[in-house]
Protein backbone atom coordinates (compact mmCIF):
# COMPACT_ATOMS: atom_id res chain seq x y z
CA UNK A 1 -0.04 0.07 -0.04
CA UNK A 2 1.31 3.55 -0.81
CA UNK A 3 2.91 5.77 1.83
CA UNK A 4 2.33 9.41 1.94
CA UNK A 5 3.92 12.50 3.58
CA UNK A 6 1.39 15.16 4.57
CA UNK A 7 2.69 18.67 5.14
CA UNK A 8 0.40 20.55 7.55
CA UNK A 9 0.90 24.35 8.02
CA UNK A 10 0.27 25.05 11.67
CA UNK A 11 1.76 28.40 12.82
CA UNK A 12 3.43 27.84 16.24
CA UNK A 13 3.35 23.97 16.06
CA UNK A 14 6.77 23.94 17.61
CA UNK A 15 5.35 25.68 20.80
CA UNK A 16 2.60 23.22 21.28
CA UNK A 17 2.82 21.34 24.59
CA UNK A 18 2.19 17.81 25.54
CA UNK A 19 -1.41 18.45 26.35
CA UNK A 20 -2.19 20.06 22.98
CA UNK A 21 -0.20 17.45 20.93
CA UNK A 22 -2.01 14.73 22.96
CA UNK A 23 -5.38 16.07 22.00
CA UNK A 24 -4.42 16.38 18.30
CA UNK A 25 -3.26 12.84 18.43
CA UNK A 26 -6.43 11.65 20.14
CA UNK A 27 -8.51 13.33 17.50
CA UNK A 28 -6.51 11.79 14.78
CA UNK A 29 -6.82 8.22 16.19
CA UNK A 30 -10.59 8.68 16.71
CA UNK A 31 -10.94 9.58 13.08
CA UNK A 32 -8.69 6.75 11.98
CA UNK A 33 -11.05 4.42 13.93
CA UNK A 34 -14.02 5.72 12.02
CA UNK A 35 -12.19 5.13 8.63
CA UNK A 36 -11.08 1.59 9.59
CA UNK A 37 -7.74 -0.09 8.92
CA UNK A 38 -7.21 1.35 5.39
CA UNK A 39 -5.65 4.44 6.54
CA UNK A 40 -2.67 4.16 9.06
CA UNK A 41 -0.79 6.93 10.85
CA UNK A 42 2.86 6.12 11.17
CA UNK A 43 4.35 9.06 12.93
CA UNK A 44 4.67 12.85 12.73
CA UNK A 45 7.46 15.36 12.98
CA UNK A 46 6.64 18.74 14.48
CA UNK A 47 8.79 21.63 13.42
CA UNK A 48 8.35 25.43 14.12
CA UNK A 49 5.30 26.01 11.96
CA UNK A 50 4.56 22.72 10.30
CA UNK A 51 3.71 19.13 11.16
CA UNK A 52 4.97 16.52 8.69
CA UNK A 53 2.86 13.22 9.07
CA UNK A 54 3.59 9.92 7.48
CA UNK A 55 0.59 7.71 6.52
CA UNK A 56 -0.03 4.56 4.74
CA UNK A 57 -3.20 4.60 2.70
CA UNK A 58 -4.78 3.28 -0.49
CA UNK A 59 -4.78 6.81 -2.08
CA UNK A 60 -4.24 10.37 -1.51
CA UNK A 61 -8.08 10.87 -1.23
CA UNK A 62 -8.22 8.85 1.82
CA UNK A 63 -5.53 10.87 3.49
CA UNK A 64 -7.54 14.03 2.60
CA UNK A 65 -10.60 12.49 4.08
CA UNK A 66 -8.91 12.01 7.30
CA UNK A 67 -7.71 15.54 7.33
CA UNK A 68 -11.26 16.81 6.60
CA UNK A 69 -13.04 14.69 9.33
CA UNK A 70 -10.44 15.66 11.81
CA UNK A 71 -10.25 19.42 11.01
CA UNK A 72 -6.56 19.16 10.30
CA UNK A 73 -4.95 21.10 7.45
CA UNK A 74 -3.34 19.07 4.65
CA UNK A 75 -1.54 21.72 2.73
CA UNK A 76 0.41 19.12 0.56
CA UNK A 77 -0.05 15.42 0.01
CA UNK A 78 2.98 13.67 -1.46
CA UNK A 79 3.29 9.97 -2.25
CA UNK A 80 6.70 8.46 -1.28
CA UNK A 81 8.23 7.02 -4.26
CA UNK A 82 11.58 5.68 -2.52
CA UNK A 83 12.93 5.56 0.83
CA UNK A 84 16.79 6.14 1.16
CA UNK A 85 19.02 5.89 4.31
CA UNK A 86 22.83 5.47 4.93
CA UNK A 87 22.63 1.74 3.80
CA UNK A 88 21.55 2.98 0.32
CA UNK A 89 25.15 4.00 -0.33
CA UNK A 90 26.14 0.38 -0.45
CA UNK A 91 23.93 -0.36 -3.54
CA UNK A 92 26.48 1.03 -6.05
CA UNK A 93 29.62 -0.59 -4.43
CA UNK A 94 31.28 -3.47 -5.92
CA UNK A 95 30.18 -6.71 -4.42
CA UNK A 96 26.99 -5.18 -2.93
CA UNK A 97 24.86 -7.12 -5.44
CA UNK A 98 22.75 -4.04 -6.49
CA UNK A 99 22.86 -1.75 -9.43
CA UNK A 100 23.54 1.90 -9.22
CA UNK A 101 20.53 4.08 -8.75
CA UNK A 102 19.45 6.55 -11.51
CA UNK A 103 18.88 8.88 -8.58
CA UNK A 104 22.73 9.33 -8.15
CA UNK A 105 23.03 11.17 -11.49
CA UNK A 106 20.23 13.60 -10.41
CA UNK A 107 21.86 14.31 -7.08
CA UNK A 108 23.45 17.83 -6.91
CA UNK A 109 26.57 16.68 -5.15
CA UNK A 110 27.90 14.38 -7.77
CA UNK A 111 27.27 10.73 -8.15
CA UNK A 112 29.49 10.17 -11.23
């Protein structure tokens, strides 16, 4: 099932306390229970003025429905196409058993 990153513009999000974040979390969980198991909240990252949420859902419309029912902003919903981490660097090395990713040629720091 696809994974999505939801960007929520919430001015002052970084100043929200445990009580406010707990209330947001509880509301989100209540809406998820209404929607059933097809939409899953993985985790969220709180920054100064935004919250970035990771969801697993059948489509972007399901994520938007969660936001609508919960009264949450969903300023941008982006489907995750790939996940990379430090172990991704091993793919292009000799003996690693993988082929070099086409992403390396697009990366602004080299990759040739």
